[in-house]
């Protein structure tokens, strides 16, 4: 099992609005080998907001299948277009510019998982 984390840096004050985009998955949940997705908003950063998109996959090949899929290309292509439009707006002085400042993807092998014991009364 693997976990893929996309760490996204976002202009301060926009983390929760960007997070809303992830509430309706664009097909990732239908991909063979997909297990789950969690979205984390990092607490107490001063310079920018940060989201971590964590997807869990049965194996690397399942994740690679997602990256090569039309659903992935379509959903990420729309975001690139939106980013370009915001950048153009900033250049003419009529908007705030790019909201997404950058991102980094990391992949992790799950070695083991510890689950909570049921509480008995």
PDB file of N, CA and C in Angstrom:
ATOM      1  N   UNK A   1       0.858  -1.177   0.000  1.00  0.00           N
ATOM      2  CA  UNK A   1       0.000   0.000   0.000  1.00  0.00           C
ATOM      3  C   UNK A   1       0.900   1.233   0.000  1.00  0.00           C
ATOM      4  N   UNK A   2       0.465   2.280  -0.711  1.00  0.00           N
ATOM      5  CA  UNK A   2       1.219   3.537  -0.739  1.00  0.00           C
ATOM      6  C   UNK A   2       0.287   4.703  -0.412  1.00  0.00           C
ATOM      7  N   UNK A   3       0.897   5.771   0.068  1.00  0.00           N
ATOM      8  CA  UNK A   3       0.202   7.043   0.274  1.00  0.00           C
ATOM      9  C   UNK A   3       0.929   8.080  -0.562  1.00  0.00           C
ATOM     10  N   UNK A   4       0.179   8.821  -1.363  1.00  0.00           N
ATOM     11  CA  UNK A   4       0.747   9.907  -2.152  1.00  0.00           C
ATOM     12  C   UNK A   4       0.236  11.210  -1.555  1.00  0.00           C
ATOM     13  N   UNK A   5       1.161  12.104  -1.220  1.00  0.00           N
ATOM     14  CA  UNK A   5       0.812  13.384  -0.607  1.00  0.00           C
ATOM     15  C   UNK A   5       1.180  14.511  -1.559  1.00  0.00           C
ATOM     16  N   UNK A   6       0.185  15.317  -1.896  1.00  0.00           N
ATOM     17  CA  UNK A   6       0.405  16.530  -2.681  1.00  0.00           C
ATOM     18  C   UNK A   6       0.300  17.694  -1.706  1.00  0.00           C
ATOM     19  N   UNK A   7       1.425  18.317  -1.384  1.00  0.00           N
ATOM     20  CA  UNK A   7       1.462  19.454  -0.464  1.00  0.00           C
ATOM     21  C   UNK A   7       1.365  20.724  -1.296  1.00  0.00           C
ATOM     22  N   UNK A   8       0.301  21.487  -1.068  1.00  0.00           N
ATOM     23  CA  UNK A   8       0.009  22.668  -1.875  1.00  0.00           C
ATOM     24  C   UNK A   8       0.127  23.924  -1.016  1.00  0.00           C
ATOM     25  N   UNK A   9       0.980  24.850  -1.432  1.00  0.00           N
ATOM     26  CA  UNK A   9       1.088  26.140  -0.751  1.00  0.00           C
ATOM     27  C   UNK A   9       0.128  27.112  -1.425  1.00  0.00           C
ATOM     28  N   UNK A  10      -0.631  27.836  -0.585  1.00  0.00           N
ATOM     29  CA  UNK A  10      -1.712  28.693  -1.061  1.00  0.00           C
ATOM     30  C   UNK A  10      -1.578  30.058  -0.404  1.00  0.00           C
ATOM     31  N   UNK A  11      -1.907  31.082  -1.162  1.00  0.00           N
ATOM     32  CA  UNK A  11      -1.869  32.436  -0.607  1.00  0.00           C
ATOM     33  C   UNK A  11      -2.678  32.475   0.698  1.00  0.00           C
ATOM     34  N   UNK A  12      -2.129  33.126   1.702  1.00  0.00           N
ATOM     35  CA  UNK A  12      -2.742  33.205   3.031  1.00  0.00           C
ATOM     36  C   UNK A  12      -4.201  33.646   2.940  1.00  0.00           C
ATOM     37  N   UNK A  13      -5.069  32.916   3.639  1.00  0.00           N
ATOM     38  CA  UNK A  13      -6.487  33.249   3.691  1.00  0.00           C
ATOM     39  C   UNK A  13      -7.339  32.531   2.656  1.00  0.00           C
ATOM     40  N   UNK A  14      -6.718  31.723   1.794  1.00  0.00           N
ATOM     41  CA  UNK A  14      -7.465  31.057   0.722  1.00  0.00           C
ATOM     42  C   UNK A  14      -7.485  29.533   0.853  1.00  0.00           C
ATOM     43  N   UNK A  15      -6.905  28.987   1.904  1.00  0.00           N
ATOM     44  CA  UNK A  15      -6.819  27.534   2.064  1.00  0.00           C
ATOM     45  C   UNK A  15      -8.170  26.844   2.066  1.00  0.00           C
ATOM     46  N   UNK A  16      -9.114  27.373   2.829  1.00  0.00           N
ATOM     47  CA  UNK A  16     -10.420  26.717   2.918  1.00  0.00           C
ATOM     48  C   UNK A  16     -11.203  26.817   1.618  1.00  0.00           C
ATOM     49  N   UNK A  17     -11.076  27.916   0.883  1.00  0.00           N
ATOM     50  CA  UNK A  17     -11.797  28.022  -0.390  1.00  0.00           C
ATOM     51  C   UNK A  17     -11.215  27.060  -1.429  1.00  0.00           C
ATOM     52  N   UNK A  18      -9.910  26.873  -1.424  1.00  0.00           N
ATOM     53  CA  UNK A  18      -9.303  25.902  -2.329  1.00  0.00           C
ATOM     54  C   UNK A  18      -9.702  24.487  -1.895  1.00  0.00           C
ATOM     55  N   UNK A  19      -9.788  24.253  -0.597  1.00  0.00           N
ATOM     56  CA  UNK A  19     -10.176  22.934  -0.081  1.00  0.00           C
ATOM     57  C   UNK A  19     -11.559  22.516  -0.582  1.00  0.00           C
ATOM     58  N   UNK A  20     -12.445  23.465  -0.780  1.00  0.00           N
ATOM     59  CA  UNK A  20     -13.794  23.151  -1.258  1.00  0.00           C
ATOM     60  C   UNK A  20     -13.769  22.434  -2.605  1.00  0.00           C
ATOM     61  N   UNK A  21     -12.764  22.703  -3.415  1.00  0.00           N
ATOM     62  CA  UNK A  21     -12.653  22.060  -4.734  1.00  0.00           C
ATOM     63  C   UNK A  21     -12.504  20.544  -4.625  1.00  0.00           C
ATOM     64  N   UNK A  22     -11.991  20.076  -3.498  1.00  0.00           N
ATOM     65  CA  UNK A  22     -11.718  18.651  -3.336  1.00  0.00           C
ATOM     66  C   UNK A  22     -12.914  17.878  -2.778  1.00  0.00           C
ATOM     67  N   UNK A  23     -13.978  18.572  -2.387  1.00  0.00           N
ATOM     68  CA  UNK A  23     -15.129  17.893  -1.798  1.00  0.00           C
ATOM     69  C   UNK A  23     -15.874  17.023  -2.796  1.00  0.00           C
ATOM     70  N   UNK A  24     -15.822  17.361  -4.057  1.00  0.00           N
ATOM     71  CA  UNK A  24     -16.458  16.555  -5.099  1.00  0.00           C
ATOM     72  C   UNK A  24     -15.368  15.981  -5.987  1.00  0.00           C
ATOM     73  N   UNK A  25     -14.928  14.753  -5.692  1.00  0.00           N
ATOM     74  CA  UNK A  25     -13.828  14.177  -6.471  1.00  0.00           C
ATOM     75  C   UNK A  25     -14.166  14.088  -7.950  1.00  0.00           C
ATOM     76  N   UNK A  26     -13.135  14.216  -8.762  1.00  0.00           N
ATOM     77  CA  UNK A  26     -13.302  14.207 -10.218  1.00  0.00           C
ATOM     78  C   UNK A  26     -12.948  12.848 -10.810  1.00  0.00           C
ATOM     79  N   UNK A  27     -13.344  11.770 -10.154  1.00  0.00           N
ATOM     80  CA  UNK A  27     -13.131  10.440 -10.697  1.00  0.00           C
ATOM     81  C   UNK A  27     -12.097   9.614  -9.967  1.00  0.00           C
ATOM     82  N   UNK A  28     -11.307  10.214  -9.097  1.00  0.00           N
ATOM     83  CA  UNK A  28     -10.276   9.457  -8.391  1.00  0.00           C
ATOM     84  C   UNK A  28     -10.901   8.320  -7.583  1.00  0.00           C
ATOM     85  N   UNK A  29     -12.056   8.559  -7.001  1.00  0.00           N
ATOM     86  CA  UNK A  29     -12.714   7.559  -6.151  1.00  0.00           C
ATOM     87  C   UNK A  29     -13.229   6.352  -6.938  1.00  0.00           C
ATOM     88  N   UNK A  30     -13.237   6.452  -8.253  1.00  0.00           N
ATOM     89  CA  UNK A  30     -13.704   5.366  -9.107  1.00  0.00           C
ATOM     90  C   UNK A  30     -12.553   4.542  -9.687  1.00  0.00           C
ATOM     91  N   UNK A  31     -11.335   4.940  -9.436  1.00  0.00           N
ATOM     92  CA  UNK A  31     -10.169   4.292 -10.038  1.00  0.00           C
ATOM     93  C   UNK A  31      -9.864   2.956  -9.357  1.00  0.00           C
ATOM     94  N   UNK A  32      -9.515   1.943 -10.156  1.00  0.00           N
ATOM     95  CA  UNK A  32      -9.093   0.667  -9.568  1.00  0.00           C
ATOM     96  C   UNK A  32      -7.874   0.880  -8.673  1.00  0.00           C
ATOM     97  N   UNK A  33      -7.895   0.287  -7.505  1.00  0.00           N
ATOM     98  CA  UNK A  33      -6.772   0.391  -6.580  1.00  0.00           C
ATOM     99  C   UNK A  33      -6.814   1.586  -5.649  1.00  0.00           C
ATOM    100  N   UNK A  34      -7.778   2.496  -5.846  1.00  0.00           N
ATOM    101  CA  UNK A  34      -7.917   3.644  -4.946  1.00  0.00           C
ATOM    102  C   UNK A  34      -8.558   3.161  -3.649  1.00  0.00           C
ATOM    103  N   UNK A  35      -8.025   3.611  -2.514  1.00  0.00           N
ATOM    104  CA  UNK A  35      -8.566   3.221  -1.212  1.00  0.00           C
ATOM    105  C   UNK A  35      -9.258   4.397  -0.536  1.00  0.00           C
ATOM    106  N   UNK A  36      -8.572   5.534  -0.432  1.00  0.00           N
ATOM    107  CA  UNK A  36      -9.174   6.672   0.272  1.00  0.00           C
ATOM    108  C   UNK A  36      -8.409   7.952  -0.035  1.00  0.00           C
ATOM    109  N   UNK A  37      -9.035   9.069   0.342  1.00  0.00           N
ATOM    110  CA  UNK A  37      -8.408  10.385   0.224  1.00  0.00           C
ATOM    111  C   UNK A  37      -8.749  11.182   1.475  1.00  0.00           C
ATOM    112  N   UNK A  38      -7.763  11.890   2.000  1.00  0.00           N
ATOM    113  CA  UNK A  38      -7.972  12.840   3.091  1.00  0.00           C
ATOM    114  C   UNK A  38      -7.351  14.164   2.685  1.00  0.00           C
ATOM    115  N   UNK A  39      -7.979  15.246   3.104  1.00  0.00           N
ATOM    116  CA  UNK A  39      -7.457  16.585   2.842  1.00  0.00           C
ATOM    117  C   UNK A  39      -7.166  17.234   4.186  1.00  0.00           C
ATOM    118  N   UNK A  40      -5.939  17.656   4.358  1.00  0.00           N
ATOM    119  CA  UNK A  40      -5.501  18.271   5.613  1.00  0.00           C
ATOM    120  C   UNK A  40      -5.156  19.730   5.380  1.00  0.00           C
ATOM    121  N   UNK A  41      -5.572  20.599   6.297  1.00  0.00           N
ATOM    122  CA  UNK A  41      -5.192  22.008   6.300  1.00  0.00           C
ATOM    123  C   UNK A  41      -4.215  22.208   7.455  1.00  0.00           C
ATOM    124  N   UNK A  42      -2.978  22.589   7.126  1.00  0.00           N
ATOM    125  CA  UNK A  42      -1.935  22.771   8.131  1.00  0.00           C
ATOM    126  C   UNK A  42      -2.297  23.945   9.035  1.00  0.00           C
ATOM    127  N   UNK A  43      -2.103  23.763  10.321  1.00  0.00           N
ATOM    128  CA  UNK A  43      -2.411  24.785  11.320  1.00  0.00           C
ATOM    129  C   UNK A  43      -1.215  25.698  11.580  1.00  0.00           C
ATOM    130  N   UNK A  44      -1.492  26.939  11.908  1.00  0.00           N
ATOM    131  CA  UNK A  44      -0.535  27.896  12.461  1.00  0.00           C
ATOM    132  C   UNK A  44       0.647  28.257  11.559  1.00  0.00           C
ATOM    133  N   UNK A  45       0.430  28.334  10.264  1.00  0.00           N
ATOM    134  CA  UNK A  45       1.467  28.858   9.376  1.00  0.00           C
ATOM    135  C   UNK A  45       1.225  30.355   9.204  1.00  0.00           C
ATOM    136  N   UNK A  46       2.279  31.150   9.186  1.00  0.00           N
ATOM    137  CA  UNK A  46       2.114  32.594   9.110  1.00  0.00           C
ATOM    138  C   UNK A  46       2.187  33.145   7.689  1.00  0.00           C
ATOM    139  N   UNK A  47       3.023  32.563   6.832  1.00  0.00           N
ATOM    140  CA  UNK A  47       3.274  33.144   5.520  1.00  0.00           C
ATOM    141  C   UNK A  47       2.287  32.727   4.445  1.00  0.00           C
ATOM    142  N   UNK A  48       1.733  31.527   4.564  1.00  0.00           N
ATOM    143  CA  UNK A  48       0.827  31.002   3.544  1.00  0.00           C
ATOM    144  C   UNK A  48      -0.033  29.916   4.169  1.00  0.00           C
ATOM    145  N   UNK A  49      -1.096  29.509   3.481  1.00  0.00           N
ATOM    146  CA  UNK A  49      -1.890  28.351   3.883  1.00  0.00           C
ATOM    147  C   UNK A  49      -1.308  27.131   3.181  1.00  0.00           C
ATOM    148  N   UNK A  50      -1.548  25.981   3.760  1.00  0.00           N
ATOM    149  CA  UNK A  50      -1.016  24.756   3.169  1.00  0.00           C
ATOM    150  C   UNK A  50      -2.043  23.640   3.270  1.00  0.00           C
ATOM    151  N   UNK A  51      -2.313  23.008   2.138  1.00  0.00           N
ATOM    152  CA  UNK A  51      -3.169  21.826   2.095  1.00  0.00           C
ATOM    153  C   UNK A  51      -2.305  20.616   1.780  1.00  0.00           C
ATOM    154  N   UNK A  52      -2.653  19.491   2.379  1.00  0.00           N
ATOM    155  CA  UNK A  52      -2.029  18.215   2.038  1.00  0.00           C
ATOM    156  C   UNK A  52      -3.138  17.291   1.558  1.00  0.00           C
ATOM    157  N   UNK A  53      -3.041  16.906   0.295  1.00  0.00           N
ATOM    158  CA  UNK A  53      -3.994  15.972  -0.292  1.00  0.00           C
ATOM    159  C   UNK A  53      -3.338  14.596  -0.215  1.00  0.00           C
ATOM    160  N   UNK A  54      -3.895  13.724   0.625  1.00  0.00           N
ATOM    161  CA  UNK A  54      -3.323  12.400   0.841  1.00  0.00           C
ATOM    162  C   UNK A  54      -4.232  11.351   0.221  1.00  0.00           C
ATOM    163  N   UNK A  55      -3.717  10.636  -0.763  1.00  0.00           N
ATOM    164  CA  UNK A  55      -4.478   9.549  -1.364  1.00  0.00           C
ATOM    165  C   UNK A  55      -3.778   8.236  -1.034  1.00  0.00           C
ATOM    166  N   UNK A  56      -4.590   7.220  -0.732  1.00  0.00           N
ATOM    167  CA  UNK A  56      -4.081   5.900  -0.376  1.00  0.00           C
ATOM    168  C   UNK A  56      -4.446   4.942  -1.511  1.00  0.00           C
ATOM    169  N   UNK A  57      -3.456   4.167  -1.940  1.00  0.00           N
ATOM    170  CA  UNK A  57      -3.584   3.268  -3.087  1.00  0.00           C
ATOM    171  C   UNK A  57      -3.113   1.875  -2.720  1.00  0.00           C
ATOM    172  N   UNK A  58      -3.701   0.881  -3.380  1.00  0.00           N
ATOM    173  CA  UNK A  58      -3.287  -0.505  -3.146  1.00  0.00           C
ATOM    174  C   UNK A  58      -1.829  -0.715  -3.533  1.00  0.00           C
ATOM    175  N   UNK A  59      -1.383  -0.049  -4.603  1.00  0.00           N
ATOM    176  CA  UNK A  59      -0.011  -0.198  -5.083  1.00  0.00           C
ATOM    177  C   UNK A  59       0.316   0.946  -6.035  1.00  0.00           C
ATOM    178  N   UNK A  60       1.576   1.081  -6.373  1.00  0.00           N
ATOM    179  CA  UNK A  60       2.068   2.176  -7.221  1.00  0.00           C
ATOM    180  C   UNK A  60       1.391   2.178  -8.597  1.00  0.00           C
ATOM    181  N   UNK A  61       1.162   1.007  -9.156  1.00  0.00           N
ATOM    182  CA  UNK A  61       0.552   0.911 -10.481  1.00  0.00           C
ATOM    183  C   UNK A  61      -0.847   1.515 -10.505  1.00  0.00           C
ATOM    184  N   UNK A  62      -1.574   1.397  -9.395  1.00  0.00           N
ATOM    185  CA  UNK A  62      -2.918   1.991  -9.314  1.00  0.00           C
ATOM    186  C   UNK A  62      -2.827   3.517  -9.377  1.00  0.00           C
ATOM    187  N   UNK A  63      -1.882   4.091  -8.636  1.00  0.00           N
ATOM    188  CA  UNK A  63      -1.688   5.535  -8.677  1.00  0.00           C
ATOM    189  C   UNK A  63      -1.265   5.984 -10.069  1.00  0.00           C
ATOM    190  N   UNK A  64      -0.343   5.256 -10.679  1.00  0.00           N
ATOM    191  CA  UNK A  64       0.106   5.604 -12.031  1.00  0.00           C
ATOM    192  C   UNK A  64      -1.064   5.573 -13.011  1.00  0.00           C
ATOM    193  N   UNK A  65      -1.983   4.617 -12.820  1.00  0.00           N
ATOM    194  CA  UNK A  65      -3.179   4.554 -13.664  1.00  0.00           C
ATOM    195  C   UNK A  65      -4.028   5.806 -13.531  1.00  0.00           C
ATOM    196  N   UNK A  66      -4.136   6.346 -12.320  1.00  0.00           N
ATOM    197  CA  UNK A  66      -4.882   7.585 -12.087  1.00  0.00           C
ATOM    198  C   UNK A  66      -4.211   8.753 -12.813  1.00  0.00           C
ATOM    199  N   UNK A  67      -2.899   8.858 -12.677  1.00  0.00           N
ATOM    200  CA  UNK A  67      -2.172   9.973 -13.286  1.00  0.00           C
ATOM    201  C   UNK A  67      -2.294   9.942 -14.813  1.00  0.00           C
ATOM    202  N   UNK A  68      -2.393   8.766 -15.387  1.00  0.00           N
ATOM    203  CA  UNK A  68      -2.504   8.629 -16.840  1.00  0.00           C
ATOM    204  C   UNK A  68      -3.951   8.714 -17.340  1.00  0.00           C
ATOM    205  N   UNK A  69      -4.921   8.775 -16.435  1.00  0.00           N
ATOM    206  CA  UNK A  69      -6.332   8.732 -16.817  1.00  0.00           C
ATOM    207  C   UNK A  69      -6.830  10.063 -17.376  1.00  0.00           C
ATOM    208  N   UNK A  70      -7.884   9.982 -18.163  1.00  0.00           N
ATOM    209  CA  UNK A  70      -8.523  11.190 -18.694  1.00  0.00           C
ATOM    210  C   UNK A  70      -9.098  12.043 -17.567  1.00  0.00           C
ATOM    211  N   UNK A  71      -9.624  11.404 -16.506  1.00  0.00           N
ATOM    212  CA  UNK A  71     -10.182  12.155 -15.371  1.00  0.00           C
ATOM    213  C   UNK A  71      -9.118  13.023 -14.715  1.00  0.00           C
ATOM    214  N   UNK A  72      -7.929  12.473 -14.524  1.00  0.00           N
ATOM    215  CA  UNK A  72      -6.828  13.230 -13.930  1.00  0.00           C
ATOM    216  C   UNK A  72      -6.455  14.407 -14.821  1.00  0.00           C
ATOM    217  N   UNK A  73      -6.266  14.132 -16.096  1.00  0.00           N
ATOM    218  CA  UNK A  73      -5.866  15.185 -17.035  1.00  0.00           C
ATOM    219  C   UNK A  73      -6.901  16.295 -17.099  1.00  0.00           C
ATOM    220  N   UNK A  74      -8.176  15.915 -17.096  1.00  0.00           N
ATOM    221  CA  UNK A  74      -9.238  16.920 -17.174  1.00  0.00           C
ATOM    222  C   UNK A  74      -9.277  17.773 -15.902  1.00  0.00           C
ATOM    223  N   UNK A  75      -9.249  17.144 -14.733  1.00  0.00           N
ATOM    224  CA  UNK A  75      -9.352  17.913 -13.490  1.00  0.00           C
ATOM    225  C   UNK A  75      -8.142  18.794 -13.261  1.00  0.00           C
ATOM    226  N   UNK A  76      -6.946  18.319 -13.584  1.00  0.00           N
ATOM    227  CA  UNK A  76      -5.753  19.125 -13.384  1.00  0.00           C
ATOM    228  C   UNK A  76      -5.568  20.156 -14.493  1.00  0.00           C
ATOM    229  N   UNK A  77      -6.063  19.878 -15.675  1.00  0.00           N
ATOM    230  CA  UNK A  77      -6.028  20.858 -16.767  1.00  0.00           C
ATOM    231  C   UNK A  77      -6.888  22.066 -16.460  1.00  0.00           C
ATOM    232  N   UNK A  78      -8.063  21.845 -15.831  1.00  0.00           N
ATOM    233  CA  UNK A  78      -8.946  22.954 -15.439  1.00  0.00           C
ATOM    234  C   UNK A  78      -8.250  23.840 -14.418  1.00  0.00           C
ATOM    235  N   UNK A  79      -7.526  23.250 -13.486  1.00  0.00           N
ATOM    236  CA  UNK A  79      -6.832  24.041 -12.464  1.00  0.00           C
ATOM    237  C   UNK A  79      -5.716  24.880 -13.078  1.00  0.00           C
ATOM    238  N   UNK A  80      -4.998  24.315 -14.061  1.00  0.00           N
ATOM    239  CA  UNK A  80      -3.942  25.090 -14.718  1.00  0.00           C
ATOM    240  C   UNK A  80      -4.528  26.282 -15.458  1.00  0.00           C
ATOM    241  N   UNK A  81      -5.677  26.071 -16.096  1.00  0.00           N
ATOM    242  CA  UNK A  81      -6.344  27.163 -16.818  1.00  0.00           C
ATOM    243  C   UNK A  81      -6.766  28.257 -15.841  1.00  0.00           C
ATOM    244  N   UNK A  82      -7.353  27.862 -14.698  1.00  0.00           N
ATOM    245  CA  UNK A  82      -7.771  28.845 -13.691  1.00  0.00           C
ATOM    246  C   UNK A  82      -6.561  29.622 -13.179  1.00  0.00           C
ATOM    247  N   UNK A  83      -5.445  28.933 -12.953  1.00  0.00           N
ATOM    248  CA  UNK A  83      -4.232  29.598 -12.464  1.00  0.00           C
ATOM    249  C   UNK A  83      -3.743  30.626 -13.476  1.00  0.00           C
ATOM    250  N   UNK A  84      -3.737  30.261 -14.738  1.00  0.00           N
ATOM    251  CA  UNK A  84      -3.300  31.183 -15.787  1.00  0.00           C
ATOM    252  C   UNK A  84      -4.204  32.403 -15.851  1.00  0.00           C
ATOM    253  N   UNK A  85      -5.511  32.187 -15.722  1.00  0.00           N
ATOM    254  CA  UNK A  85      -6.448  33.314 -15.769  1.00  0.00           C
ATOM    255  C   UNK A  85      -6.220  34.257 -14.598  1.00  0.00           C
ATOM    256  N   UNK A  86      -5.969  33.722 -13.413  1.00  0.00           N
ATOM    257  CA  UNK A  86      -5.711  34.578 -12.244  1.00  0.00           C
ATOM    258  C   UNK A  86      -4.415  35.351 -12.426  1.00  0.00           C
ATOM    259  N   UNK A  87      -3.398  34.706 -12.999  1.00  0.00           N
ATOM    260  CA  UNK A  87      -2.124  35.390 -13.218  1.00  0.00           C
ATOM    261  C   UNK A  87      -2.297  36.545 -14.193  1.00  0.00           C
ATOM    262  N   UNK A  88      -3.088  36.332 -15.251  1.00  0.00           N
ATOM    263  CA  UNK A  88      -3.333  37.408 -16.212  1.00  0.00           C
ATOM    264  C   UNK A  88      -4.058  38.567 -15.544  1.00  0.00           C
ATOM    265  N   UNK A  89      -4.991  38.256 -14.682  1.00  0.00           N
ATOM    266  CA  UNK A  89      -5.736  39.293 -13.988  1.00  0.00           C
ATOM    267  C   UNK A  89      -4.785  40.155 -13.146  1.00  0.00           C
ATOM    268  N   UNK A  90      -3.839  39.534 -12.495  1.00  0.00           N
ATOM    269  CA  UNK A  90      -2.921  40.277 -11.630  1.00  0.00           C
ATOM    270  C   UNK A  90      -2.036  41.225 -12.437  1.00  0.00           C
ATOM    271  N   UNK A  91      -1.614  40.803 -13.598  1.00  0.00           N
ATOM    272  CA  UNK A  91      -0.736  41.638 -14.399  1.00  0.00           C
ATOM    273  C   UNK A  91      -1.385  42.955 -14.792  1.00  0.00           C
ATOM    274  N   UNK A  92      -2.695  42.945 -15.000  1.00  0.00           N
ATOM    275  CA  UNK A  92      -3.340  44.198 -15.390  1.00  0.00           C
ATOM    276  C   UNK A  92      -3.841  44.988 -14.175  1.00  0.00           C
ATOM    277  N   UNK A  93      -3.518  44.490 -12.988  1.00  0.00           N
ATOM    278  CA  UNK A  93      -3.848  45.226 -11.774  1.00  0.00           C
ATOM    279  C   UNK A  93      -5.282  45.086 -11.307  1.00  0.00           C
ATOM    280  N   UNK A  94      -6.072  44.215 -11.915  1.00  0.00           N
ATOM    281  CA  UNK A  94      -7.479  44.122 -11.551  1.00  0.00           C
ATOM    282  C   UNK A  94      -7.812  42.952 -10.636  1.00  0.00           C
ATOM    283  N   UNK A  95      -6.825  42.210 -10.179  1.00  0.00           N
ATOM    284  CA  UNK A  95      -7.103  41.065  -9.313  1.00  0.00           C
ATOM    285  C   UNK A  95      -5.945  40.802  -8.385  1.00  0.00           C
ATOM    286  N   UNK A  96      -6.056  39.721  -7.628  1.00  0.00           N
ATOM    287  CA  UNK A  96      -5.038  39.436  -6.623  1.00  0.00           C
ATOM    288  C   UNK A  96      -3.941  38.512  -7.120  1.00  0.00           C
ATOM    289  N   UNK A  97      -4.052  37.986  -8.309  1.00  0.00           N
ATOM    290  CA  UNK A  97      -3.006  37.134  -8.850  1.00  0.00           C
ATOM    291  C   UNK A  97      -3.145  35.689  -8.444  1.00  0.00           C
ATOM    292  N   UNK A  98      -2.078  34.962  -8.599  1.00  0.00           N
ATOM    293  CA  UNK A  98      -2.067  33.531  -8.358  1.00  0.00           C
ATOM    294  C   UNK A  98      -2.343  33.219  -6.896  1.00  0.00           C
ATOM    295  N   UNK A  99      -3.282  32.315  -6.663  1.00  0.00           N
ATOM    296  CA  UNK A  99      -3.608  31.890  -5.302  1.00  0.00           C
ATOM    297  C   UNK A  99      -2.772  30.679  -4.916  1.00  0.00           C
ATOM    298  N   UNK A 100      -2.598  29.743  -5.861  1.00  0.00           N
ATOM    299  CA  UNK A 100      -1.774  28.572  -5.586  1.00  0.00           C
ATOM    300  C   UNK A 100      -0.324  28.945  -5.874  1.00  0.00           C
ATOM    301  N   UNK A 101       0.503  28.891  -4.831  1.00  0.00           N
ATOM    302  CA  UNK A 101       1.880  29.356  -4.915  1.00  0.00           C
ATOM    303  C   UNK A 101       2.839  28.263  -5.383  1.00  0.00           C
ATOM    304  N   UNK A 102       2.491  27.023  -5.146  1.00  0.00           N
ATOM    305  CA  UNK A 102       3.348  25.918  -5.537  1.00  0.00           C
ATOM    306  C   UNK A 102       2.881  24.628  -4.904  1.00  0.00           C
ATOM    307  N   UNK A 103       3.495  23.522  -5.318  1.00  0.00           N
ATOM    308  CA  UNK A 103       3.157  22.242  -4.713  1.00  0.00           C
ATOM    309  C   UNK A 103       4.327  21.278  -4.818  1.00  0.00           C
ATOM    310  N   UNK A 104       4.248  20.222  -4.011  1.00  0.00           N
ATOM    311  CA  UNK A 104       5.263  19.172  -4.017  1.00  0.00           C
ATOM    312  C   UNK A 104       4.556  17.851  -3.765  1.00  0.00           C
ATOM    313  N   UNK A 105       4.857  16.847  -4.584  1.00  0.00           N
ATOM    314  CA  UNK A 105       4.250  15.530  -4.446  1.00  0.00           C
ATOM    315  C   UNK A 105       5.287  14.582  -3.857  1.00  0.00           C
ATOM    316  N   UNK A 106       4.878  13.817  -2.839  1.00  0.00           N
ATOM    317  CA  UNK A 106       5.755  12.803  -2.259  1.00  0.00           C
ATOM    318  C   UNK A 106       4.990  11.489  -2.150  1.00  0.00           C
ATOM    319  N   UNK A 107       5.730  10.388  -2.242  1.00  0.00           N
ATOM    320  CA  UNK A 107       5.127   9.068  -2.199  1.00  0.00           C
ATOM    321  C   UNK A 107       5.726   8.295  -1.033  1.00  0.00           C
ATOM    322  N   UNK A 108       4.860   7.571  -0.321  1.00  0.00           N
ATOM    323  CA  UNK A 108       5.282   6.870   0.889  1.00  0.00           C
ATOM    324  C   UNK A 108       4.781   5.433   0.852  1.00  0.00           C
ATOM    325  N   UNK A 109       5.612   4.504   1.247  1.00  0.00           N
ATOM    326  CA  UNK A 109       5.200   3.114   1.403  1.00  0.00           C
ATOM    327  C   UNK A 109       4.659   2.931   2.812  1.00  0.00           C
ATOM    328  N   UNK A 110       3.487   2.342   2.941  1.00  0.00           N
ATOM    329  CA  UNK A 110       2.904   2.081   4.252  1.00  0.00           C
ATOM    330  C   UNK A 110       3.539   0.795   4.781  1.00  0.00           C
ATOM    331  N   UNK A 111       4.282   0.920   5.867  1.00  0.00           N
ATOM    332  CA  UNK A 111       4.950  -0.234   6.454  1.00  0.00           C
ATOM    333  C   UNK A 111       4.036  -0.977   7.420  1.00  0.00           C
ATOM    334  N   UNK A 112       3.275  -0.229   8.202  1.00  0.00           N
ATOM    335  CA  UNK A 112       2.281  -0.851   9.077  1.00  0.00           C
ATOM    336  C   UNK A 112       1.296   0.209   9.533  1.00  0.00           C
ATOM    337  N   UNK A 113       0.154  -0.240  10.049  1.00  0.00           N
ATOM    338  CA  UNK A 113      -0.891   0.632  10.565  1.00  0.00           C
ATOM    339  C   UNK A 113      -1.269   0.136  11.952  1.00  0.00           C
ATOM    340  N   UNK A 114      -1.421   1.037  12.899  1.00  0.00           N
ATOM    341  CA  UNK A 114      -1.901   0.711  14.235  1.00  0.00           C
ATOM    342  C   UNK A 114      -3.287   1.298  14.361  1.00  0.00           C
ATOM    343  N   UNK A 115      -4.240   0.463  14.743  1.00  0.00           N
ATOM    344  CA  UNK A 115      -5.619   0.927  14.918  1.00  0.00           C
ATOM    345  C   UNK A 115      -5.963   0.931  16.398  1.00  0.00           C
ATOM    346  N   UNK A 116      -6.905   1.776  16.772  1.00  0.00           N
ATOM    347  CA  UNK A 116      -7.334   1.882  18.158  1.00  0.00           C
ATOM    348  C   UNK A 116      -8.018   0.590  18.597  1.00  0.00           C
ATOM    349  N   UNK A 117      -7.770   0.203  19.839  1.00  0.00           N
ATOM    350  CA  UNK A 117      -8.483  -0.937  20.412  1.00  0.00           C
ATOM    351  C   UNK A 117      -9.881  -0.463  20.801  1.00  0.00           C
ATOM    352  N   UNK A 118     -10.872  -1.326  20.640  1.00  0.00           N
ATOM    353  CA  UNK A 118     -12.223  -0.950  21.079  1.00  0.00           C
ATOM    354  C   UNK A 118     -12.253  -0.737  22.593  1.00  0.00           C
ATOM    355  N   UNK A 119     -12.943   0.288  23.009  1.00  0.00           N
ATOM    356  CA  UNK A 119     -13.060   0.591  24.438  1.00  0.00           C
ATOM    357  C   UNK A 119     -14.194  -0.252  25.002  1.00  0.00           C
ATOM    358  N   UNK A 120     -13.906  -0.964  26.082  1.00  0.00           N
ATOM    359  CA  UNK A 120     -14.942  -1.763  26.731  1.00  0.00           C
ATOM    360  C   UNK A 120     -15.307  -1.108  28.037  1.00  0.00           C
ATOM    361  N   UNK A 121     -16.576  -1.176  28.372  1.00  0.00           N
ATOM    362  CA  UNK A 121     -17.033  -0.547  29.620  1.00  0.00           C
ATOM    363  C   UNK A 121     -17.524  -1.575  30.590  1.00  0.00           C
TER     364      UNK A 121
END
